Protein backbone atom coordinates (compact mmCIF):
# COMPACT_ATOMS: atom_id res chain seq x y z
CA UNK A 1 -10.38 33.04 15.84
CA UNK A 2 -12.87 30.88 17.29
CA UNK A 3 -15.33 30.27 14.57
CA UNK A 4 -12.25 30.01 11.81
CA UNK A 5 -10.27 27.52 14.05
CA UNK A 6 -13.62 25.36 14.13
CA UNK A 7 -13.91 25.35 10.53
CA UNK A 8 -10.44 24.48 10.41
CA UNK A 9 -10.33 21.88 12.54
CA UNK A 10 -13.92 20.41 11.13
CA UNK A 11 -12.19 20.40 7.59
CA UNK A 12 -9.11 18.36 9.31
CA UNK A 13 -6.41 20.27 7.78
CA UNK A 14 -3.43 20.46 9.36
CA UNK A 15 0.02 23.06 9.14
CA UNK A 16 3.03 21.61 9.13
CA UNK A 17 5.29 21.46 6.39
CA UNK A 18 7.12 18.45 4.66
CA UNK A 19 9.55 17.46 2.25
CA UNK A 20 8.63 16.10 -0.70
CA UNK A 21 7.07 12.35 -0.84
CA UNK A 22 8.44 9.27 -3.03
CA UNK A 23 7.44 8.80 -6.17
CA UNK A 24 7.34 5.39 -5.44
CA UNK A 25 5.70 3.52 -2.40
CA UNK A 26 2.89 1.48 -1.48
CA UNK A 27 -0.02 3.40 0.35
CA UNK A 28 -2.93 0.92 1.48
CA UNK A 29 -4.95 0.19 3.65
CA UNK A 30 -6.80 -2.92 5.16
CA UNK A 31 -10.88 -2.88 3.71
CA UNK A 32 -11.95 -5.65 6.09
CA UNK A 33 -15.27 -7.48 5.60
CA UNK A 34 -15.29 -10.49 8.35
CA UNK A 35 -17.73 -9.61 11.09
CA UNK A 36 -18.79 -6.77 8.73
CA UNK A 37 -15.33 -4.29 10.63
CA UNK A 38 -15.59 -2.07 7.69
CA UNK A 39 -17.46 -2.81 4.50
CA UNK A 40 -20.13 -3.73 3.53
CA UNK A 41 -22.94 -3.44 6.23
CA UNK A 42 -25.13 -6.48 5.92
CA UNK A 43 -27.82 -4.49 6.67
CA UNK A 44 -27.52 -1.67 3.93
CA UNK A 45 -29.05 -2.44 0.38
CA UNK A 46 -26.89 -3.68 -2.71
CA UNK A 47 -26.87 0.14 -3.52
CA UNK A 48 -26.13 1.78 -0.07
CA UNK A 49 -23.47 -0.84 0.51
CA UNK A 50 -22.38 0.84 -3.31
CA UNK A 51 -22.43 4.06 -2.24
CA UNK A 52 -20.49 3.68 1.02
CA UNK A 53 -17.24 2.26 -0.99
CA UNK A 54 -16.77 4.48 -2.90
CA UNK A 55 -16.98 7.03 -0.15
CA UNK A 56 -14.30 5.07 1.36
CA UNK A 57 -12.50 5.19 -1.74
CA UNK A 58 -13.27 8.91 -2.22
CA UNK A 59 -11.60 9.43 1.24
CA UNK A 60 -9.08 6.92 0.23
CA UNK A 61 -7.88 9.04 -2.45
CA UNK A 62 -7.99 12.20 -1.01
CA UNK A 63 -5.65 10.89 1.03
CA UNK A 64 -3.38 9.83 -2.06
CA UNK A 65 -3.20 6.30 -1.42
CA UNK A 66 -2.21 3.99 -4.23
CA UNK A 67 -3.87 0.66 -2.75
CA UNK A 68 -6.56 -1.07 -1.09
CA UNK A 69 -6.29 -4.37 0.52
CA UNK A 70 -10.24 -5.76 0.01
CA UNK A 71 -10.99 -8.87 2.20
CA UNK A 72 -12.87 -10.98 -0.18
CA UNK A 73 -12.67 -14.64 1.24
CA UNK A 74 -13.15 -14.29 4.60
CA UNK A 75 -14.17 -17.38 6.12
CA UNK A 76 -14.37 -19.84 3.07
CA UNK A 77 -16.91 -17.73 1.56
CA UNK A 78 -16.66 -15.33 -1.52
CA UNK A 79 -17.86 -11.41 -1.74
CA UNK A 80 -17.37 -12.49 -5.51
CA UNK A 81 -19.03 -14.46 -7.97
CA UNK A 82 -17.54 -17.86 -6.98
CA UNK A 83 -17.18 -21.30 -8.59
CA UNK A 84 -16.81 -22.80 -5.30
CA UNK A 85 -18.00 -20.86 -1.95
CA UNK A 86 -20.91 -19.62 -1.29
CA UNK A 87 -21.72 -15.66 -1.00
CA UNK A 88 -20.42 -14.48 2.31
CA UNK A 89 -22.67 -13.76 5.03
CA UNK A 90 -21.43 -10.44 5.26
CA UNK A 91 -22.76 -9.06 2.32
CA UNK A 92 -26.48 -9.71 3.53
CA UNK A 93 -25.98 -11.49 7.29
CA UNK A 94 -26.97 -15.19 5.26
CA UNK A 95 -24.48 -17.07 3.95
CA UNK A 96 -24.94 -18.31 0.43
CA UNK A 97 -27.58 -15.27 -0.18
CA UNK A 98 -27.02 -13.48 -3.45
CA UNK A 99 -26.53 -10.03 -3.00
CA UNK A 100 -27.83 -8.57 -5.96
CA UNK A 101 -24.41 -7.22 -7.66
CA UNK A 102 -20.50 -8.32 -7.92
CA UNK A 103 -19.10 -6.36 -4.77
CA UNK A 104 -15.47 -7.34 -5.97
CA UNK A 105 -16.13 -6.62 -9.75
CA UNK A 106 -17.38 -3.47 -8.41
CA UNK A 107 -14.62 -2.33 -5.77
CA UNK A 108 -11.71 -3.18 -9.08
CA UNK A 109 -13.33 -0.84 -11.42
CA UNK A 110 -14.21 2.18 -8.53
CA UNK A 111 -10.46 1.65 -7.47
CA UNK A 112 -9.19 1.70 -10.50
CA UNK A 113 -11.07 5.05 -11.63
CA UNK A 114 -9.36 6.71 -8.64
CA UNK A 115 -5.91 4.94 -9.38
CA UNK A 116 -5.91 2.65 -6.85
CA UNK A 117 -4.53 -1.14 -7.27
CA UNK A 118 -7.02 -3.43 -5.51
CA UNK A 119 -5.53 -7.09 -3.96
CA UNK A 120 -7.51 -9.08 -3.12
CA UNK A 121 -7.63 -10.01 0.64
CA UNK A 122 -7.64 -14.16 1.09
CA UNK A 123 -7.66 -16.06 4.72
CA UNK A 124 -6.90 -18.89 3.32
CA UNK A 125 -7.55 -21.99 6.25
CA UNK A 126 -9.93 -19.78 8.45
CA UNK A 127 -13.30 -21.32 8.17
CA UNK A 128 -15.84 -20.90 11.30
CA UNK A 129 -15.18 -18.77 14.14
CA UNK A 130 -17.70 -19.29 17.40
CA UNK A 131 -19.40 -16.44 16.42
CA UNK A 132 -19.86 -17.53 12.97
CA UNK A 133 -21.00 -21.22 12.57
CA UNK A 134 -21.76 -22.55 9.06
CA UNK A 135 -24.41 -25.50 10.17
CA UNK A 136 -24.18 -29.00 9.41
CA UNK A 137 -25.09 -28.80 5.16
CA UNK A 138 -22.45 -26.20 4.51
CA UNK A 139 -20.71 -27.92 1.64
CA UNK A 140 -17.38 -27.97 3.12
CA UNK A 141 -18.33 -29.81 6.13
CA UNK A 142 -21.24 -31.63 3.96
CA UNK A 143 -18.11 -33.28 1.52
CA UNK A 144 -15.41 -33.11 2.78
CA UNK A 145 -15.37 -33.22 6.64
CA UNK A 146 -11.96 -34.65 7.06
CA UNK A 147 -10.76 -31.01 5.97
CA UNK A 148 -11.42 -29.76 8.74
CA UNK A 149 -9.44 -28.92 11.87
CA UNK A 150 -11.39 -28.26 15.41
CA UNK A 151 -9.69 -26.13 18.17
CA UNK A 152 -11.55 -24.35 21.08
CA UNK A 153 -13.29 -21.56 19.50
CA UNK A 154 -12.68 -22.32 15.91
CA UNK A 155 -12.25 -24.75 12.91
CA UNK A 156 -9.67 -24.28 10.19
CA UNK A 157 -8.97 -26.28 6.44
CA UNK A 158 -6.58 -28.63 7.52
CA UNK A 159 -2.95 -27.03 5.83
CA UNK A 160 -1.50 -30.75 6.33
CA UNK A 161 -4.27 -31.97 3.03
CA UNK A 162 -2.79 -32.10 0.10
CA UNK A 163 -6.92 -31.86 -1.25
CA UNK A 164 -7.39 -28.74 0.64
CA UNK A 165 -3.81 -26.83 -0.82
CA UNK A 166 -5.10 -28.20 -4.54
CA UNK A 167 -9.01 -26.46 -3.33
CA UNK A 168 -7.16 -23.15 -2.29
CA UNK A 169 -5.19 -23.00 -5.86
CA UNK A 170 -7.93 -23.87 -7.58
CA UNK A 171 -9.77 -20.97 -5.73
CA UNK A 172 -7.39 -18.17 -6.50
CA UNK A 173 -6.96 -19.33 -9.80
CA UNK A 174 -10.95 -18.56 -9.93
CA UNK A 175 -10.20 -15.14 -8.90
CA UNK A 176 -7.20 -14.11 -10.76
CA UNK A 177 -8.91 -15.92 -14.09
CA UNK A 178 -12.28 -14.26 -14.21
CA UNK A 179 -11.41 -10.43 -12.46
CA UNK A 180 -8.70 -7.64 -12.77
CA UNK A 181 -7.23 -8.06 -9.47
CA UNK A 182 -3.83 -6.18 -9.16
CA UNK A 183 -2.41 -9.05 -6.58
CA UNK A 184 -3.72 -11.73 -3.75
CA UNK A 185 -2.49 -11.05 -0.22
CA UNK A 186 -2.93 -13.33 2.70
CA UNK A 187 -3.07 -12.32 6.22
CA UNK A 188 -1.79 -13.41 9.26
CA UNK A 189 -4.16 -16.44 9.45
CA UNK A 190 -2.85 -20.05 9.55
CA UNK A 191 -2.44 -22.46 12.42
CA UNK A 192 -4.18 -21.20 15.09
CA UNK A 193 -2.17 -19.18 17.95
CA UNK A 194 -3.58 -21.01 20.31
CA UNK A 195 -0.93 -23.62 19.53
CA UNK A 196 -1.55 -27.03 17.86
CA UNK A 197 -1.04 -30.47 19.41
CA UNK A 198 -3.14 -33.43 17.67
CA UNK A 199 -5.36 -32.20 16.10
CA UNK A 200 -4.24 -32.96 12.41
CA UNK A 201 -3.70 -36.76 13.54
CA UNK A 202 -5.79 -37.74 10.63
CA UNK A 203 -3.59 -35.82 8.07
CA UNK A 204 -0.11 -37.13 10.04
CA UNK A 205 -1.21 -40.59 9.76
CA UNK A 206 -1.66 -40.56 5.69
CA UNK A 207 0.73 -37.55 4.55
CA UNK A 208 3.79 -36.71 7.04
CA UNK A 209 7.00 -38.70 5.95
CA UNK A 210 8.05 -41.07 8.89
CA UNK A 211 10.38 -39.78 10.94
CA UNK A 212 9.82 -36.23 9.76
CA UNK A 213 9.35 -33.98 12.25
CA UNK A 214 6.01 -32.83 12.67
CA UNK A 215 6.34 -28.78 13.48
CA UNK A 216 8.95 -29.15 10.25
CA UNK A 217 5.98 -31.14 8.44
CA UNK A 218 3.35 -28.12 9.15
CA UNK A 219 6.11 -25.23 8.20
CA UNK A 220 6.41 -27.52 4.85
CA UNK A 221 2.96 -28.40 4.25
CA UNK A 222 2.27 -24.32 4.15
CA UNK A 223 5.11 -23.37 2.31
CA UNK A 224 4.27 -26.05 -0.54
CA UNK A 225 0.59 -24.44 -0.46
CA UNK A 226 2.44 -20.97 -1.09
CA UNK A 227 4.94 -22.12 -3.45
CA UNK A 228 2.10 -23.83 -5.70
CA UNK A 229 -0.27 -20.79 -5.79
CA UNK A 230 2.73 -18.51 -6.52
CA UNK A 231 3.51 -21.03 -9.85
CA UNK A 232 0.30 -21.08 -10.29
CA UNK A 233 -0.24 -17.80 -10.91
CA UNK A 234 2.46 -17.06 -13.19
CA UNK A 235 1.21 -19.83 -15.02
CA UNK A 236 -2.15 -18.24 -15.65
CA UNK A 237 -2.03 -14.68 -14.93
CA UNK A 238 1.51 -13.48 -14.22
CA UNK A 239 0.59 -9.61 -14.00
CA UNK A 240 -1.06 -10.53 -10.52
CA UNK A 241 1.47 -9.75 -7.25
CA UNK A 242 1.10 -12.16 -4.23
CA UNK A 243 1.90 -11.24 -0.90
CA UNK A 244 1.48 -12.45 2.20
CA UNK A 245 0.64 -10.34 5.96
CA UNK A 246 2.16 -12.67 8.31
CA UNK A 247 2.25 -12.18 12.22
CA UNK A 248 5.24 -9.79 12.77
CA UNK A 249 7.47 -11.78 14.88
CA UNK A 250 9.06 -14.12 12.72
CA UNK A 251 11.03 -16.04 15.91
CA UNK A 252 13.09 -18.33 13.94
CA UNK A 253 16.25 -19.59 15.73
CA UNK A 254 19.63 -18.65 15.15
CA UNK A 255 20.61 -21.84 13.37
CA UNK A 256 17.56 -21.04 10.62
CA UNK A 257 18.58 -17.35 10.60
CA UNK A 258 22.19 -18.36 9.35
CA UNK A 259 21.01 -21.04 6.84
CA UNK A 260 18.70 -18.59 5.83
CA UNK A 261 22.01 -16.01 5.39
CA UNK A 262 20.48 -13.28 7.71
CA UNK A 263 20.59 -11.69 11.12
CA UNK A 264 19.36 -13.36 13.75
CA UNK A 265 16.96 -11.40 15.63
CA UNK A 266 16.28 -12.67 19.33
CA UNK A 267 13.13 -12.72 19.90
CA UNK A 268 12.41 -14.92 22.84
CA UNK A 269 9.26 -13.76 24.90
CA UNK A 270 7.33 -12.76 22.43
CA UNK A 271 4.58 -14.92 19.80
CA UNK A 272 6.70 -16.90 17.19
CA UNK A 273 5.28 -17.28 13.75
CA UNK A 274 7.76 -19.77 13.12
CA UNK A 275 7.01 -22.10 15.48
CA UNK A 276 3.71 -21.56 17.12
CA UNK A 277 1.63 -21.17 13.54
CA UNK A 278 4.28 -22.97 11.46
CA UNK A 279 4.18 -19.62 9.31
CA UNK A 280 8.05 -19.36 7.99
CA UNK A 281 7.59 -16.00 6.09
CA UNK A 282 11.68 -15.60 5.41
CA UNK A 283 11.27 -18.52 3.59
CA UNK A 284 9.47 -17.65 1.86
CA UNK A 285 11.42 -14.37 0.23
CA UNK A 286 13.88 -17.33 0.34
CA UNK A 287 11.98 -18.81 -2.09
CA UNK A 288 11.14 -16.22 -4.56
CA UNK A 289 7.05 -17.69 -4.09
CA UNK A 290 6.04 -13.92 -3.00
CA UNK A 291 6.34 -10.88 -4.74
CA UNK A 292 6.38 -8.95 -1.29
CA UNK A 293 5.45 -9.33 2.60
CA UNK A 294 3.68 -7.17 5.26
CA UNK A 295 4.25 -8.29 8.58
CA UNK A 296 2.54 -6.82 10.74
CA UNK A 297 4.60 -4.88 13.02
CA UNK A 298 1.78 -3.57 15.48
CA UNK A 299 3.88 -2.57 18.49
CA UNK A 300 4.62 1.08 18.50
CA UNK A 301 7.78 3.14 18.56
CA UNK A 302 7.35 3.32 22.47
CA UNK A 303 7.93 -0.64 22.70
CA UNK A 304 11.94 -1.16 24.47
CA UNK A 305 10.83 -4.68 23.19
CA UNK A 306 12.96 -6.33 20.77
CA UNK A 307 9.78 -7.31 18.71
CA UNK A 308 9.09 -2.74 18.96
CA UNK A 309 8.48 -0.70 15.64
CA UNK A 310 12.26 0.20 16.54
CA UNK A 311 13.41 -3.07 16.11
CA UNK A 312 11.48 -5.33 13.65
CA UNK A 313 11.27 -2.82 10.29
CA UNK A 314 14.89 -2.47 10.21
CA UNK A 315 15.27 -6.00 10.55
CA UNK A 316 12.53 -7.23 7.92
CA UNK A 317 13.78 -3.88 5.74
CA UNK A 318 17.32 -6.33 5.84
CA UNK A 319 15.70 -9.57 5.23
CA UNK A 320 13.87 -8.06 2.24
CA UNK A 321 17.33 -6.67 0.80
CA UNK A 322 19.13 -10.20 0.86
CA UNK A 323 15.61 -11.83 -0.39
CA UNK A 324 15.43 -9.20 -3.17
CA UNK A 325 11.94 -9.02 -2.57
CA UNK A 326 9.28 -6.39 -1.16
CA UNK A 327 8.96 -5.49 2.56
CA UNK A 328 5.80 -3.15 3.20
CA UNK A 329 5.04 -3.09 6.55
CA UNK A 330 1.35 -3.57 8.53
CA UNK A 331 0.74 -1.19 11.19
CA UNK A 332 -1.91 -1.23 13.64
CA UNK A 333 -3.73 2.20 13.99
CA UNK A 334 -4.84 1.25 18.03
CA UNK A 335 -1.70 1.42 18.64
CA UNK A 336 -0.85 4.71 17.62
CA UNK A 337 -2.73 6.73 19.94
CA UNK A 338 -0.46 8.89 21.70
CA UNK A 339 -0.56 9.86 25.82
CA UNK A 340 -2.67 13.16 26.72
CA UNK A 341 0.78 15.83 27.15
CA UNK A 342 2.04 14.30 23.37
CA UNK A 343 -1.62 14.83 22.17
CA UNK A 344 -1.95 18.76 23.61
CA UNK A 345 1.76 19.62 22.01
CA UNK A 346 0.65 18.10 18.70
CA UNK A 347 -2.69 20.00 18.77
CA UNK A 348 -1.33 22.95 19.56
CA UNK A 349 1.18 23.02 16.96
CA UNK A 350 -1.15 21.27 14.22
CA UNK A 351 -3.58 24.41 14.70
CA UNK A 352 -0.95 27.10 15.62
CA UNK A 353 -2.69 28.37 18.65
CA UNK A 354 -2.13 28.80 22.34
CA UNK A 355 -2.93 26.14 25.28
CA UNK A 356 -5.29 29.15 26.51
CA UNK A 357 -6.47 29.42 23.44
CA UNK A 358 -7.19 26.03 23.19
CA UNK A 359 -8.86 25.97 26.96
CA UNK A 360 -11.43 28.83 25.54
CA UNK A 361 -12.73 26.23 23.43
CA UNK A 362 -16.19 24.77 23.56
CA UNK A 363 -16.31 20.70 24.20
CA UNK A 364 -17.30 20.21 20.69
CA UNK A 365 -14.24 21.62 19.16
CA UNK A 366 -11.97 20.34 21.80
CA UNK A 367 -13.34 16.56 20.69
CA UNK A 368 -12.67 17.65 16.87
CA UNK A 369 -9.36 18.99 17.52
CA UNK A 370 -8.28 15.40 19.88
CA UNK A 371 -10.07 13.36 17.43
CA UNK A 372 -7.59 14.56 14.36
CA UNK A 373 -4.47 14.81 16.48
CA UNK A 374 -4.85 10.93 17.61
CA UNK A 375 -1.77 8.86 16.39
CA UNK A 376 -0.45 11.16 14.36
CA UNK A 377 2.89 11.40 15.54
CA UNK A 378 3.33 7.48 16.08
CA UNK A 379 1.83 7.43 12.51
CA UNK A 380 4.58 10.11 11.22
CA UNK A 381 7.07 8.32 13.52
CA UNK A 382 6.21 5.09 10.98
CA UNK A 383 6.03 6.09 7.94
CA UNK A 384 9.17 8.10 8.24
CA UNK A 385 11.21 4.62 9.58
CA UNK A 386 9.19 2.51 6.78
CA UNK A 387 10.77 4.87 4.40
CA UNK A 388 14.35 5.33 5.91
CA UNK A 389 14.95 2.08 6.72
CA UNK A 390 13.59 0.44 2.65
CA UNK A 391 17.11 -0.14 1.04
CA UNK A 392 15.57 -1.56 -2.20
CA UNK A 393 13.69 2.15 -3.72
CA UNK A 394 10.38 0.36 -2.66
CA UNK A 395 9.12 1.53 1.12
CA UNK A 396 5.14 0.52 2.05
CA UNK A 397 2.31 1.47 4.58
CA UNK A 398 -0.79 -0.39 4.98
CA UNK A 399 -2.57 0.14 8.09
CA UNK A 400 -4.89 -1.33 9.79
CA UNK A 401 -8.50 -0.69 9.88
CA UNK A 402 -9.84 1.47 6.94
CA UNK A 403 -12.43 2.46 9.73
CA UNK A 404 -9.75 3.87 11.95
CA UNK A 405 -7.70 4.99 9.48
CA UNK A 406 -10.44 7.60 8.98
CA UNK A 407 -11.77 8.16 12.02
CA UNK A 408 -8.33 9.00 14.02
CA UNK A 409 -7.65 11.88 11.42
CA UNK A 410 -4.80 9.62 9.76
CA UNK A 411 -6.31 10.22 5.95
CA UNK A 412 -6.14 14.48 6.23
CA UNK A 413 -2.79 13.88 8.84
CA UNK A 414 -1.29 11.99 6.28
CA UNK A 415 -2.51 14.10 2.94
CA UNK A 416 -0.73 17.20 4.66
CA UNK A 417 2.38 15.72 5.99
CA UNK A 418 3.51 13.09 4.53
CA UNK A 419 1.64 12.05 1.69
CA UNK A 420 1.51 15.54 -0.26
CA UNK A 421 2.02 14.05 -4.03
CA UNK A 422 0.65 11.33 -5.53
CA UNK A 423 3.00 7.95 -5.86
CA UNK A 424 3.24 5.19 -8.25
CA UNK A 425 3.43 1.86 -6.90
CA UNK A 426 7.13 0.13 -6.11
CA UNK A 427 8.60 -1.45 -9.39
CA UNK A 428 9.03 -5.18 -9.07
CA UNK A 429 12.33 -5.71 -11.63
CA UNK A 430 12.07 -9.56 -11.61
CA UNK A 431 8.32 -9.28 -13.02
CA UNK A 432 8.10 -9.75 -17.09
CA UNK A 433 7.50 -6.36 -18.48
CA UNK A 434 4.94 -5.96 -20.47
CA UNK A 435 4.54 -3.77 -23.36
CA UNK A 436 3.93 -0.72 -23.12
CA UNK A 437 1.52 1.47 -25.50
CA UNK A 438 2.07 4.64 -26.87
CA UNK A 439 0.17 7.39 -25.94
CA UNK A 440 -1.27 9.03 -28.91
CA UNK A 441 -3.49 11.74 -29.68
CA UNK A 442 -3.42 13.81 -26.20
CA UNK A 443 -6.12 16.24 -25.86
CA UNK A 444 -7.49 18.92 -23.71
CA UNK A 445 -11.31 19.99 -23.59
CA UNK A 446 -13.60 21.67 -20.71
CA UNK A 447 -10.85 20.63 -17.91
CA UNK A 448 -10.93 17.18 -19.45
CA UNK A 449 -7.69 15.39 -20.87
CA UNK A 450 -8.27 12.41 -23.30
CA UNK A 451 -5.67 10.55 -24.92
CA UNK A 452 -5.47 7.08 -26.90
CA UNK A 453 -3.27 4.18 -25.73
CA UNK A 454 -3.55 1.59 -29.10
CA UNK A 455 -3.18 -2.20 -28.05
CA UNK A 456 -3.03 -1.78 -24.28
CA UNK A 457 -3.82 -4.24 -22.18
CA UNK A 458 -6.60 -4.30 -19.34
CA UNK A 459 -3.70 -4.31 -16.69
CA UNK A 460 -2.15 -1.19 -18.15
CA UNK A 461 -2.55 2.32 -15.77
CA UNK A 462 -1.47 5.89 -16.70
CA UNK A 463 0.22 8.70 -15.24
CA UNK A 464 -0.34 12.48 -15.62
CA UNK A 465 2.04 14.84 -14.94
CA UNK A 466 1.55 18.79 -15.06
CA UNK A 467 5.05 20.04 -15.85
CA UNK A 468 6.54 23.62 -16.52
CA UNK A 469 7.42 24.09 -20.47
CA UNK A 470 11.16 24.52 -19.95
CA UNK A 471 11.84 21.05 -18.03
CA UNK A 472 9.36 18.74 -19.82
CA UNK A 473 12.07 17.03 -21.68
CA UNK A 474 14.48 16.40 -19.06
CA UNK A 475 14.38 13.38 -17.85
CA UNK A 476 14.71 14.11 -14.24
CA UNK A 477 11.64 15.78 -14.30
CA UNK A 478 9.77 12.45 -13.99
CA UNK A 479 12.49 11.08 -11.66
CA UNK A 480 10.33 12.88 -8.49
CA UNK A 481 6.82 13.22 -7.49
CA UNK A 482 6.96 17.03 -8.24
CA UNK A 483 4.73 17.35 -11.16
CA UNK A 484 2.40 13.89 -10.79
CA UNK A 485 -0.69 14.75 -10.47
CA UNK A 486 -2.87 11.54 -10.65
CA UNK A 487 -2.66 7.66 -11.71
CA UNK A 488 -6.00 6.29 -13.65
CA UNK A 489 -7.00 2.94 -15.51
CA UNK A 490 -9.02 5.11 -17.16
CA UNK A 491 -8.02 6.75 -20.49
CA UNK A 492 -9.01 10.17 -19.39
CA UNK A 493 -8.78 12.47 -16.14
CA UNK A 494 -10.50 15.69 -14.87
CA UNK A 495 -7.60 18.05 -14.37
CA UNK A 496 -9.99 21.03 -13.65
CA UNK A 497 -7.34 21.45 -10.90
CA UNK A 498 -4.27 22.20 -13.00
CA UNK A 499 -4.83 25.52 -14.17
CA UNK A 500 -1.27 27.46 -14.52
CA UNK A 501 0.16 28.37 -17.71
CA UNK A 502 2.83 27.90 -19.14
CA UNK A 503 2.98 23.92 -18.57
CA UNK A 504 2.60 20.88 -20.23
CA UNK A 505 0.16 17.80 -19.63
CA UNK A 506 2.16 14.79 -20.02
CA UNK A 507 0.80 11.09 -19.93
CA UNK A 508 2.69 8.16 -19.51
CA UNK A 509 1.70 4.31 -19.64
CA UNK A 510 2.65 2.32 -16.77
CA UNK A 511 2.70 -1.79 -16.37
CA UNK A 512 1.66 -4.06 -13.91
CA UNK A 513 4.87 -4.46 -12.18
CA UNK A 514 5.49 -0.50 -12.38
CA UNK A 515 7.64 -0.10 -15.38
CA UNK A 516 6.70 3.23 -16.81
CA UNK A 517 6.95 4.65 -20.73
CA UNK A 518 9.07 7.16 -21.42
CA UNK A 519 7.06 10.74 -21.37
CA UNK A 520 8.11 11.06 -25.09
CA UNK A 521 8.23 8.89 -27.65
CA UNK A 522 8.25 10.95 -31.39
CA UNK A 523 6.17 13.61 -30.29
CA UNK A 524 5.23 15.52 -27.07
CA UNK A 525 3.10 12.80 -25.43
CA UNK A 526 1.04 16.41 -23.70
CA UNK A 527 -0.64 19.03 -24.39
CA UNK A 528 0.51 22.73 -23.41
CA UNK A 529 -1.10 25.53 -21.43
CA UNK A 530 0.08 28.61 -22.25
CA UNK A 531 4.08 30.44 -22.75
CA UNK A 532 6.24 30.03 -19.63
CA UNK A 533 7.66 33.38 -18.32
CA UNK A 534 10.13 32.12 -15.02
CA UNK A 535 13.09 30.09 -14.39
CA UNK A 536 12.96 26.47 -12.99
CA UNK A 537 15.83 25.22 -10.85
CA UNK A 538 15.70 21.68 -8.99
CA UNK A 539 18.38 18.66 -7.86
CA UNK A 540 18.72 15.80 -9.12
CA UNK A 541 22.05 12.94 -8.20
CA UNK A 542 24.71 15.03 -8.93
CA UNK A 543 23.34 17.81 -10.59
CA UNK A 544 21.45 21.15 -10.39
CA UNK A 545 19.26 21.54 -13.56
CA UNK A 546 18.20 24.79 -14.25
CA UNK A 547 15.98 25.71 -17.10
CA UNK A 548 15.44 29.32 -18.22
CA UNK A 549 13.33 31.04 -20.70
CA UNK A 550 15.98 33.48 -21.59
CA UNK A 551 20.09 34.46 -21.46
CA UNK A 552 20.37 34.21 -17.69
CA UNK A 553 22.77 34.85 -15.12
CA UNK A 554 23.17 32.06 -12.82
CA UNK A 555 25.12 32.37 -9.43
CA UNK A 556 25.66 29.12 -7.49
CA UNK A 557 25.91 29.07 -3.37
CA UNK A 558 26.31 27.16 -0.95
CA UNK A 559 24.10 27.14 2.92
CA UNK A 560 26.92 29.38 4.22
CA UNK A 561 27.08 32.09 1.42
CA UNK A 562 29.98 31.06 -0.60
CA UNK A 563 29.89 31.75 -3.74
CA UNK A 564 30.42 28.02 -5.99
CA UNK A 565 29.26 29.02 -9.35
CA UNK A 566 28.79 32.03 -11.72
CA UNK A 567 27.82 31.50 -15.08
CA UNK A 568 26.00 33.20 -17.64
CA UNK A 569 23.77 30.37 -19.44
CA UNK A 570 21.60 29.82 -22.54
CA UNK A 571 17.97 29.52 -23.03
CA UNK A 572 16.62 26.10 -22.74
CA UNK A 573 17.92 24.07 -20.40
CA UNK A 574 21.78 23.38 -18.42
CA UNK A 575 23.34 20.93 -15.92
CA UNK A 576 25.94 22.02 -13.72
CA UNK A 577 27.40 19.13 -11.72
CA UNK A 578 27.41 19.66 -7.49
CA UNK A 579 28.28 17.38 -4.72
CA UNK A 580 25.76 15.88 -2.75
CA UNK A 581 24.14 18.93 -0.45
CA UNK A 582 21.86 22.22 0.09
CA UNK A 583 22.69 24.88 -2.23
CA UNK A 584 21.04 28.30 -2.78
CA UNK A 585 20.80 28.87 -6.98
CA UNK A 586 19.28 32.30 -7.81
CA UNK A 587 17.81 32.35 -4.54
CA UNK A 588 15.78 29.58 -4.45
CA UNK A 589 17.15 26.05 -2.48
CA UNK A 590 18.04 23.03 -4.08
CA UNK A 591 18.77 19.89 -3.06
CA UNK A 592 21.53 17.40 -4.84
CA UNK A 593 21.29 14.35 -4.18
């Protein structure tokens, strides 16, 4: 038992069952480059950095993640070939030194191979910190010293200077023009958290209208940048998504909440993004100048204050519903560790052992178990809350940071318990749909599925389903994640894990906004594997779908054993209308929504 348990622990397997995960939700991690937090390591060669990134993305793919937020501009520098700024020092240890490859181009290619979107994470204003100074000859300090605001421990670009705003718009335009990124995302660094007094006197004198409240002017300066970037993206490459991850507490006053048409959340006593760093995330949502917001809801469910997870997430979900844009919660892994009793219960439950069996393990075995169990209860709670409070069919989970995502064992926990099937990213209905190509010439040879998609743009990706033959023609089959196997930007896929007979491979095309083609156009976009021999039963919206290979008697019971329907159906597919609830159909449990 002991050797077997150690093997299980080391492999990170978990023993709990869960409900089917949604077909659409955002699952991402923040992949931080600043100070070499996650990737890359400046001590590694280009070849080693590539290998490290592939390993990270492999782990994310195994956890069924579908998005990575890669930090490509941490401090007015670049992890890509920039027309404006030097190579980041976090690549080689020296600012401006060519790393010998293009990290962003490589990351996009590798992420897309694994079915993941890549959002380029930008720090718009951060320039220097006490630990990372650039010197007197750095281009911005040398050519535009008036752009810089000095604080006690840092320098930032001045948000109130229109030249800075224009510069940042050009930075983003350069990226989306030359790279097939799926999104641009900002984090929470706007004006510094330490507070701003008169550091921006230069731009106030030049650009602040007379009589204008300085706090309102600062917020409007930031809002103008956000709006200008969004408009530029629509004009340049409208398929690119634009999101921001502000500090989790909005903090605006009741009068502003009322003017915006949202419920007021009293978070007095907590840091206010609205008044302290001049960051008005609700304004961006109301102006429709972002596609999604990912507030940093970094306080765990145990927090009883008004800015705890249980309070912030429902409030942001309500705001997103009012404004018609997506809310993806950013979650801090370091706040997820459990108390000792909670962790012990989690370990015993996950590995199906008694406390005495746990006590008999070696210290090494106990360490493996404790590390794997750390934070999973809080993580599961936060994922469930994100899903249950979502009102747009667009839940989202963004974990900070990637290193802790693996070291806390969340990759294995989520794959086994929450992210049990792959997921498409949420559909953005306000974005203009692209023309979806017809899938043709689908073939299966040596466990590799290939297909053609004539005229497909570079932003088109594909979903591969492995579907029982009897339900392959039923549109409801594709409303859930049950038979979704993978997403890829390539026109081929390794399907060696799909071996059952009586199934069909089906391929659909998906555009950057999430619109998906029909599984069938004129002819099936799939190839069959064998012949079906079993009955298929599953629930939908107000209906149970039954598919049988031959004429069959169908018996529908309530969960308390009452016979509701007794009918004979012909070979093929049949729909039985039922109210929402749990039913037993020929011995199979079915949930009707």
